[in-house]
Structures are given as structure tokens and as C-alpha cells.
């Protein structure tokens, strides 16, 4: 299982502002964005979706939700391929 890599606000600050994991040719990121409230986590899976708001304010739960979103998108694409 690939490991998540956290990115902090700055080298002096321990606040995590994004966490990324690479799988295959994709990269999934759970991140903050300046245009959203500071406690909102977004998810982006490049080439699949961008800045989807997660329901959780907890980073670990937001990571789980982001992975589930990727699984749903891939499952839907596979069903369409079978049609």
C-alpha cells in the first residue's frame, strides 16, 4: 500500500495543509484551499476530479473519503466499459 506524504504549511509550522499518495499514474491529494474555510478538506485526484469537498474536518477521515471517491469513479468507468 502506498504511503501518504504530508506537506506542512512551512518548515517552522507543524500544521499539515495537504497529504498526497501516488497510485499507478494517478496522484490523490487531500488538501486545503485559500477559497474555502480553514477547516475544510478538499480532495483532488488529477485526471479524475478536482477540489471535491470532503464531509470530514478530520484529515484521516477525509483521506478515507477521498479514496472511496476514487473507487466509485473507477467502478463507474468500468461499468461503462462493459456496456
PDB file of N, CA and C in Angstrom:
ATOM      1  N   UNK A   1       0.849  -1.187   0.000  1.00  0.00           N
ATOM      2  CA  UNK A   1       0.000   0.000   0.000  1.00  0.00           C
ATOM      3  C   UNK A   1       0.887   1.240   0.000  1.00  0.00           C
ATOM      4  N   UNK A   2       0.661   2.149  -0.926  1.00  0.00           N
ATOM      5  CA  UNK A   2       1.457   3.387  -0.956  1.00  0.00           C
ATOM      6  C   UNK A   2       1.257   4.215   0.313  1.00  0.00           C
ATOM      7  N   UNK A   3       2.270   4.945   0.689  1.00  0.00           N
ATOM      8  CA  UNK A   3       2.228   5.790   1.891  1.00  0.00           C
ATOM      9  C   UNK A   3       1.820   7.216   1.527  1.00  0.00           C
ATOM     10  N   UNK A   4       1.055   7.820   2.409  1.00  0.00           N
ATOM     11  CA  UNK A   4       0.697   9.224   2.270  1.00  0.00           C
ATOM     12  C   UNK A   4       1.891  10.073   2.681  1.00  0.00           C
ATOM     13  N   UNK A   5       2.098  11.177   1.965  1.00  0.00           N
ATOM     14  CA  UNK A   5       3.158  12.120   2.311  1.00  0.00           C
ATOM     15  C   UNK A   5       2.511  13.449   2.678  1.00  0.00           C
ATOM     16  N   UNK A   6       2.744  13.874   3.920  1.00  0.00           N
ATOM     17  CA  UNK A   6       2.171  15.127   4.403  1.00  0.00           C
ATOM     18  C   UNK A   6       3.043  16.302   4.010  1.00  0.00           C
ATOM     19  N   UNK A   7       2.370  17.418   3.701  1.00  0.00           N
ATOM     20  CA  UNK A   7       3.067  18.674   3.443  1.00  0.00           C
ATOM     21  C   UNK A   7       2.608  19.669   4.492  1.00  0.00           C
ATOM     22  N   UNK A   8       3.574  20.355   5.077  1.00  0.00           N
ATOM     23  CA  UNK A   8       3.262  21.311   6.141  1.00  0.00           C
ATOM     24  C   UNK A   8       3.233  22.728   5.595  1.00  0.00           C
ATOM     25  N   UNK A   9       2.605  23.598   6.353  1.00  0.00           N
ATOM     26  CA  UNK A   9       2.462  24.995   5.959  1.00  0.00           C
ATOM     27  C   UNK A   9       3.830  25.629   5.721  1.00  0.00           C
ATOM     28  N   UNK A  10       4.750  25.356   6.602  1.00  0.00           N
ATOM     29  CA  UNK A  10       6.130  25.829   6.446  1.00  0.00           C
ATOM     30  C   UNK A  10       7.018  24.950   7.306  1.00  0.00           C
ATOM     31  N   UNK A  11       8.300  25.081   7.146  1.00  0.00           N
ATOM     32  CA  UNK A  11       9.221  24.252   7.935  1.00  0.00           C
ATOM     33  C   UNK A  11       9.134  24.571   9.419  1.00  0.00           C
ATOM     34  N   UNK A  12       8.647  25.759   9.759  1.00  0.00           N
ATOM     35  CA  UNK A  12       8.519  26.160  11.160  1.00  0.00           C
ATOM     36  C   UNK A  12       7.175  25.759  11.765  1.00  0.00           C
ATOM     37  N   UNK A  13       6.216  25.485  10.915  1.00  0.00           N
ATOM     38  CA  UNK A  13       4.842  25.243  11.363  1.00  0.00           C
ATOM     39  C   UNK A  13       4.496  23.767  11.182  1.00  0.00           C
ATOM     40  N   UNK A  14       3.919  23.151  12.190  1.00  0.00           N
ATOM     41  CA  UNK A  14       3.577  21.729  12.108  1.00  0.00           C
ATOM     42  C   UNK A  14       2.201  21.478  11.484  1.00  0.00           C
ATOM     43  N   UNK A  15       1.488  22.543  11.112  1.00  0.00           N
ATOM     44  CA  UNK A  15       0.156  22.385  10.526  1.00  0.00           C
ATOM     45  C   UNK A  15       0.253  21.725   9.148  1.00  0.00           C
ATOM     46  N   UNK A  16      -0.469  20.624   8.967  1.00  0.00           N
ATOM     47  CA  UNK A  16      -0.494  19.931   7.681  1.00  0.00           C
ATOM     48  C   UNK A  16      -1.520  20.614   6.787  1.00  0.00           C
ATOM     49  N   UNK A  17      -1.104  20.964   5.575  1.00  0.00           N
ATOM     50  CA  UNK A  17      -2.010  21.618   4.631  1.00  0.00           C
ATOM     51  C   UNK A  17      -2.372  20.709   3.464  1.00  0.00           C
ATOM     52  N   UNK A  18      -1.635  19.623   3.285  1.00  0.00           N
ATOM     53  CA  UNK A  18      -2.015  18.637   2.278  1.00  0.00           C
ATOM     54  C   UNK A  18      -1.325  17.312   2.575  1.00  0.00           C
ATOM     55  N   UNK A  19      -1.917  16.280   2.023  1.00  0.00           N
ATOM     56  CA  UNK A  19      -1.348  14.948   2.135  1.00  0.00           C
ATOM     57  C   UNK A  19      -1.597  14.277   0.792  1.00  0.00           C
ATOM     58  N   UNK A  20      -0.568  13.654   0.228  1.00  0.00           N
ATOM     59  CA  UNK A  20      -0.677  13.079  -1.110  1.00  0.00           C
ATOM     60  C   UNK A  20      -0.225  11.632  -1.114  1.00  0.00           C
ATOM     61  N   UNK A  21      -0.831  10.875  -2.013  1.00  0.00           N
ATOM     62  CA  UNK A  21      -0.420   9.492  -2.235  1.00  0.00           C
ATOM     63  C   UNK A  21      -0.442   9.251  -3.749  1.00  0.00           C
ATOM     64  N   UNK A  22       0.559   8.547  -4.248  1.00  0.00           N
ATOM     65  CA  UNK A  22       0.612   8.209  -5.671  1.00  0.00           C
ATOM     66  C   UNK A  22       0.220   6.749  -5.826  1.00  0.00           C
ATOM     67  N   UNK A  23      -0.621   6.482  -6.834  1.00  0.00           N
ATOM     68  CA  UNK A  23      -1.007   5.106  -7.149  1.00  0.00           C
ATOM     69  C   UNK A  23      -1.118   4.998  -8.659  1.00  0.00           C
ATOM     70  N   UNK A  24      -0.364   4.069  -9.211  1.00  0.00           N
ATOM     71  CA  UNK A  24      -0.325   3.958 -10.669  1.00  0.00           C
ATOM     72  C   UNK A  24       0.124   5.263 -11.284  1.00  0.00           C
ATOM     73  N   UNK A  25      -0.613   5.727 -12.259  1.00  0.00           N
ATOM     74  CA  UNK A  25      -0.267   7.002 -12.901  1.00  0.00           C
ATOM     75  C   UNK A  25      -1.004   8.185 -12.279  1.00  0.00           C
ATOM     76  N   UNK A  26      -1.709   7.937 -11.182  1.00  0.00           N
ATOM     77  CA  UNK A  26      -2.501   8.969 -10.534  1.00  0.00           C
ATOM     78  C   UNK A  26      -1.852   9.473  -9.245  1.00  0.00           C
ATOM     79  N   UNK A  27      -2.294  10.671  -8.842  1.00  0.00           N
ATOM     80  CA  UNK A  27      -1.908  11.234  -7.552  1.00  0.00           C
ATOM     81  C   UNK A  27      -3.189  11.724  -6.885  1.00  0.00           C
ATOM     82  N   UNK A  28      -3.413  11.279  -5.652  1.00  0.00           N
ATOM     83  CA  UNK A  28      -4.574  11.698  -4.873  1.00  0.00           C
ATOM     84  C   UNK A  28      -4.085  12.625  -3.775  1.00  0.00           C
ATOM     85  N   UNK A  29      -4.699  13.786  -3.687  1.00  0.00           N
ATOM     86  CA  UNK A  29      -4.313  14.766  -2.668  1.00  0.00           C
ATOM     87  C   UNK A  29      -5.532  15.157  -1.846  1.00  0.00           C
ATOM     88  N   UNK A  30      -5.355  15.210  -0.539  1.00  0.00           N
ATOM     89  CA  UNK A  30      -6.336  15.787   0.372  1.00  0.00           C
ATOM     90  C   UNK A  30      -5.684  17.066   0.859  1.00  0.00           C
ATOM     91  N   UNK A  31      -6.342  18.183   0.637  1.00  0.00           N
ATOM     92  CA  UNK A  31      -5.661  19.462   0.815  1.00  0.00           C
ATOM     93  C   UNK A  31      -6.604  20.571   1.246  1.00  0.00           C
ATOM     94  N   UNK A  32      -6.013  21.654   1.668  1.00  0.00           N
ATOM     95  CA  UNK A  32      -6.744  22.890   1.997  1.00  0.00           C
ATOM     96  C   UNK A  32      -6.672  23.805   0.763  1.00  0.00           C
ATOM     97  N   UNK A  33      -7.557  24.806   0.734  1.00  0.00           N
ATOM     98  CA  UNK A  33      -7.530  25.788  -0.355  1.00  0.00           C
ATOM     99  C   UNK A  33      -7.924  27.141   0.213  1.00  0.00           C
ATOM    100  N   UNK A  34      -7.266  28.169  -0.247  1.00  0.00           N
ATOM    101  CA  UNK A  34      -7.461  29.529   0.271  1.00  0.00           C
ATOM    102  C   UNK A  34      -8.906  30.016   0.107  1.00  0.00           C
ATOM    103  N   UNK A  35      -9.642  29.497  -0.882  1.00  0.00           N
ATOM    104  CA  UNK A  35     -11.009  29.948  -1.139  1.00  0.00           C
ATOM    105  C   UNK A  35     -12.057  29.216  -0.307  1.00  0.00           C
ATOM    106  N   UNK A  36     -11.618  28.355   0.610  1.00  0.00           N
ATOM    107  CA  UNK A  36     -12.522  27.591   1.476  1.00  0.00           C
ATOM    108  C   UNK A  36     -12.201  27.916   2.929  1.00  0.00           C
ATOM    109  N   UNK A  37     -13.149  27.668   3.832  1.00  0.00           N
ATOM    110  CA  UNK A  37     -12.848  27.877   5.258  1.00  0.00           C
ATOM    111  C   UNK A  37     -11.639  27.028   5.676  1.00  0.00           C
ATOM    112  N   UNK A  38     -10.894  27.468   6.686  1.00  0.00           N
ATOM    113  CA  UNK A  38      -9.646  26.794   7.061  1.00  0.00           C
ATOM    114  C   UNK A  38      -9.805  25.372   7.584  1.00  0.00           C
ATOM    115  N   UNK A  39     -11.015  24.963   7.973  1.00  0.00           N
ATOM    116  CA  UNK A  39     -11.186  23.597   8.491  1.00  0.00           C
ATOM    117  C   UNK A  39     -11.764  22.633   7.452  1.00  0.00           C
ATOM    118  N   UNK A  40     -11.863  23.056   6.200  1.00  0.00           N
ATOM    119  CA  UNK A  40     -12.426  22.221   5.141  1.00  0.00           C
ATOM    120  C   UNK A  40     -11.305  21.498   4.393  1.00  0.00           C
ATOM    121  N   UNK A  41     -11.456  20.185   4.261  1.00  0.00           N
ATOM    122  CA  UNK A  41     -10.534  19.381   3.458  1.00  0.00           C
ATOM    123  C   UNK A  41     -11.156  19.144   2.091  1.00  0.00           C
ATOM    124  N   UNK A  42     -10.351  19.295   1.063  1.00  0.00           N
ATOM    125  CA  UNK A  42     -10.758  19.018  -0.313  1.00  0.00           C
ATOM    126  C   UNK A  42      -9.952  17.825  -0.802  1.00  0.00           C
ATOM    127  N   UNK A  43     -10.438  17.185  -1.843  1.00  0.00           N
ATOM    128  CA  UNK A  43      -9.681  16.102  -2.453  1.00  0.00           C
ATOM    129  C   UNK A  43      -9.584  16.361  -3.946  1.00  0.00           C
ATOM    130  N   UNK A  44      -8.432  16.039  -4.497  1.00  0.00           N
ATOM    131  CA  UNK A  44      -8.209  16.119  -5.933  1.00  0.00           C
ATOM    132  C   UNK A  44      -7.445  14.875  -6.357  1.00  0.00           C
ATOM    133  N   UNK A  45      -7.934  14.228  -7.394  1.00  0.00           N
ATOM    134  CA  UNK A  45      -7.220  13.109  -7.993  1.00  0.00           C
ATOM    135  C   UNK A  45      -7.007  13.512  -9.440  1.00  0.00           C
ATOM    136  N   UNK A  46      -5.825  13.936  -9.722  1.00  0.00           N
ATOM    137  CA  UNK A  46      -5.526  14.531 -11.011  1.00  0.00           C
ATOM    138  C   UNK A  46      -5.866  13.562 -12.137  1.00  0.00           C
ATOM    139  N   UNK A  47      -6.568  14.053 -13.126  1.00  0.00           N
ATOM    140  CA  UNK A  47      -7.153  13.347 -14.256  1.00  0.00           C
ATOM    141  C   UNK A  47      -8.501  12.709 -13.916  1.00  0.00           C
ATOM    142  N   UNK A  48      -8.929  12.739 -12.650  1.00  0.00           N
ATOM    143  CA  UNK A  48     -10.223  12.169 -12.276  1.00  0.00           C
ATOM    144  C   UNK A  48     -11.197  13.223 -11.762  1.00  0.00           C
ATOM    145  N   UNK A  49     -10.774  14.039 -10.789  1.00  0.00           N
ATOM    146  CA  UNK A  49     -11.627  15.102 -10.253  1.00  0.00           C
ATOM    147  C   UNK A  49     -10.750  16.120  -9.534  1.00  0.00           C
ATOM    148  N   UNK A  50     -11.319  17.297  -9.296  1.00  0.00           N
ATOM    149  CA  UNK A  50     -10.547  18.363  -8.657  1.00  0.00           C
ATOM    150  C   UNK A  50     -11.390  19.078  -7.614  1.00  0.00           C
ATOM    151  N   UNK A  51     -10.807  19.304  -6.465  1.00  0.00           N
ATOM    152  CA  UNK A  51     -11.366  20.084  -5.368  1.00  0.00           C
ATOM    153  C   UNK A  51     -12.771  19.653  -4.948  1.00  0.00           C
ATOM    154  N   UNK A  52     -12.940  18.372  -4.705  1.00  0.00           N
ATOM    155  CA  UNK A  52     -14.201  17.870  -4.160  1.00  0.00           C
ATOM    156  C   UNK A  52     -14.150  18.050  -2.650  1.00  0.00           C
ATOM    157  N   UNK A  53     -15.167  18.668  -2.102  1.00  0.00           N
ATOM    158  CA  UNK A  53     -15.189  18.930  -0.655  1.00  0.00           C
ATOM    159  C   UNK A  53     -15.507  17.652   0.107  1.00  0.00           C
ATOM    160  N   UNK A  54     -14.697  17.335   1.092  1.00  0.00           N
ATOM    161  CA  UNK A  54     -14.908  16.162   1.923  1.00  0.00           C
ATOM    162  C   UNK A  54     -15.824  16.526   3.080  1.00  0.00           C
ATOM    163  N   UNK A  55     -16.567  15.549   3.590  1.00  0.00           N
ATOM    164  CA  UNK A  55     -17.523  15.794   4.677  1.00  0.00           C
ATOM    165  C   UNK A  55     -16.851  15.931   6.037  1.00  0.00           C
ATOM    166  N   UNK A  56     -15.637  15.427   6.164  1.00  0.00           N
ATOM    167  CA  UNK A  56     -14.979  15.402   7.470  1.00  0.00           C
ATOM    168  C   UNK A  56     -13.971  16.536   7.638  1.00  0.00           C
ATOM    169  N   UNK A  57     -13.861  17.008   8.857  1.00  0.00           N
ATOM    170  CA  UNK A  57     -12.834  18.002   9.199  1.00  0.00           C
ATOM    171  C   UNK A  57     -11.570  17.309   9.706  1.00  0.00           C
ATOM    172  N   UNK A  58     -11.632  15.989   9.862  1.00  0.00           N
ATOM    173  CA  UNK A  58     -10.504  15.182  10.323  1.00  0.00           C
ATOM    174  C   UNK A  58      -9.724  14.680   9.105  1.00  0.00           C
ATOM    175  N   UNK A  59      -8.408  14.868   9.092  1.00  0.00           N
ATOM    176  CA  UNK A  59      -7.591  14.512   7.934  1.00  0.00           C
ATOM    177  C   UNK A  59      -7.680  13.028   7.600  1.00  0.00           C
ATOM    178  N   UNK A  60      -7.570  12.158   8.590  1.00  0.00           N
ATOM    179  CA  UNK A  60      -7.609  10.719   8.307  1.00  0.00           C
ATOM    180  C   UNK A  60      -8.956  10.285   7.717  1.00  0.00           C
ATOM    181  N   UNK A  61     -10.025  10.830   8.238  1.00  0.00           N
ATOM    182  CA  UNK A  61     -11.351  10.518   7.689  1.00  0.00           C
ATOM    183  C   UNK A  61     -11.495  11.082   6.279  1.00  0.00           C
ATOM    184  N   UNK A  62     -10.963  12.275   6.042  1.00  0.00           N
ATOM    185  CA  UNK A  62     -11.016  12.876   4.704  1.00  0.00           C
ATOM    186  C   UNK A  62     -10.212  12.040   3.702  1.00  0.00           C
ATOM    187  N   UNK A  63      -9.078  11.478   4.130  1.00  0.00           N
ATOM    188  CA  UNK A  63      -8.296  10.596   3.256  1.00  0.00           C
ATOM    189  C   UNK A  63      -9.129   9.373   2.871  1.00  0.00           C
ATOM    190  N   UNK A  64      -9.818   8.770   3.854  1.00  0.00           N
ATOM    191  CA  UNK A  64     -10.663   7.612   3.591  1.00  0.00           C
ATOM    192  C   UNK A  64     -11.761   7.973   2.595  1.00  0.00           C
ATOM    193  N   UNK A  65     -12.425   9.113   2.806  1.00  0.00           N
ATOM    194  CA  UNK A  65     -13.487   9.554   1.903  1.00  0.00           C
ATOM    195  C   UNK A  65     -12.951   9.784   0.491  1.00  0.00           C
ATOM    196  N   UNK A  66     -11.759  10.351   0.392  1.00  0.00           N
ATOM    197  CA  UNK A  66     -11.158  10.613  -0.915  1.00  0.00           C
ATOM    198  C   UNK A  66     -10.878   9.300  -1.643  1.00  0.00           C
ATOM    199  N   UNK A  67     -10.348   8.305  -0.928  1.00  0.00           N
ATOM    200  CA  UNK A  67     -10.091   7.001  -1.551  1.00  0.00           C
ATOM    201  C   UNK A  67     -11.399   6.360  -2.017  1.00  0.00           C
ATOM    202  N   UNK A  68     -12.447   6.492  -1.230  1.00  0.00           N
ATOM    203  CA  UNK A  68     -13.742   5.932  -1.619  1.00  0.00           C
ATOM    204  C   UNK A  68     -14.277   6.618  -2.875  1.00  0.00           C
ATOM    205  N   UNK A  69     -14.062   7.919  -2.985  1.00  0.00           N
ATOM    206  CA  UNK A  69     -14.499   8.657  -4.178  1.00  0.00           C
ATOM    207  C   UNK A  69     -13.769   8.147  -5.411  1.00  0.00           C
ATOM    208  N   UNK A  70     -12.473   7.918  -5.309  1.00  0.00           N
ATOM    209  CA  UNK A  70     -11.701   7.372  -6.434  1.00  0.00           C
ATOM    210  C   UNK A  70     -12.251   5.999  -6.813  1.00  0.00           C
ATOM    211  N   UNK A  71     -12.501   5.153  -5.821  1.00  0.00           N
ATOM    212  CA  UNK A  71     -13.032   3.811  -6.096  1.00  0.00           C
ATOM    213  C   UNK A  71     -14.376   3.883  -6.831  1.00  0.00           C
ATOM    214  N   UNK A  72     -15.251   4.804  -6.408  1.00  0.00           N
ATOM    215  CA  UNK A  72     -16.556   4.958  -7.060  1.00  0.00           C
ATOM    216  C   UNK A  72     -16.401   5.377  -8.519  1.00  0.00           C
ATOM    217  N   UNK A  73     -15.503   6.323  -8.773  1.00  0.00           N
ATOM    218  CA  UNK A  73     -15.291   6.809 -10.141  1.00  0.00           C
ATOM    219  C   UNK A  73     -14.744   5.694 -11.020  1.00  0.00           C
ATOM    220  N   UNK A  74     -13.791   4.944 -10.513  1.00  0.00           N
ATOM    221  CA  UNK A  74     -13.199   3.848 -11.296  1.00  0.00           C
ATOM    222  C   UNK A  74     -14.229   2.745 -11.528  1.00  0.00           C
ATOM    223  N   UNK A  75     -15.017   2.407 -10.505  1.00  0.00           N
ATOM    224  CA  UNK A  75     -16.044   1.380 -10.665  1.00  0.00           C
ATOM    225  C   UNK A  75     -17.073   1.798 -11.719  1.00  0.00           C
ATOM    226  N   UNK A  76     -17.469   3.058 -11.698  1.00  0.00           N
ATOM    227  CA  UNK A  76     -18.426   3.555 -12.692  1.00  0.00           C
ATOM    228  C   UNK A  76     -17.829   3.477 -14.090  1.00  0.00           C
ATOM    229  N   UNK A  77     -16.564   3.860 -14.231  1.00  0.00           N
ATOM    230  CA  UNK A  77     -15.903   3.794 -15.539  1.00  0.00           C
ATOM    231  C   UNK A  77     -15.834   2.351 -16.040  1.00  0.00           C
ATOM    232  N   UNK A  78     -15.566   1.416 -15.127  1.00  0.00           N
ATOM    233  CA  UNK A  78     -15.502   0.007 -15.514  1.00  0.00           C
ATOM    234  C   UNK A  78     -16.874  -0.509 -15.953  1.00  0.00           C
ATOM    235  N   UNK A  79     -17.935  -0.095 -15.257  1.00  0.00           N
ATOM    236  CA  UNK A  79     -19.284  -0.500 -15.663  1.00  0.00           C
ATOM    237  C   UNK A  79     -19.603   0.039 -17.052  1.00  0.00           C
ATOM    238  N   UNK A  80     -19.238   1.296 -17.317  1.00  0.00           N
ATOM    239  CA  UNK A  80     -19.483   1.886 -18.634  1.00  0.00           C
ATOM    240  C   UNK A  80     -18.694   1.163 -19.716  1.00  0.00           C
ATOM    241  N   UNK A  81     -17.497   0.712 -19.382  1.00  0.00           N
ATOM    242  CA  UNK A  81     -16.662  -0.010 -20.339  1.00  0.00           C
ATOM    243  C   UNK A  81     -17.307  -1.337 -20.716  1.00  0.00           C
ATOM    244  N   UNK A  82     -18.011  -1.949 -19.772  1.00  0.00           N
ATOM    245  CA  UNK A  82     -18.651  -3.248 -20.008  1.00  0.00           C
ATOM    246  C   UNK A  82     -19.941  -3.137 -20.827  1.00  0.00           C
ATOM    247  N   UNK A  83     -20.506  -1.944 -20.926  1.00  0.00           N
ATOM    248  CA  UNK A  83     -21.779  -1.774 -21.664  1.00  0.00           C
ATOM    249  C   UNK A  83     -21.599  -1.948 -23.145  1.00  0.00           C
TER     250      UNK A  83
END
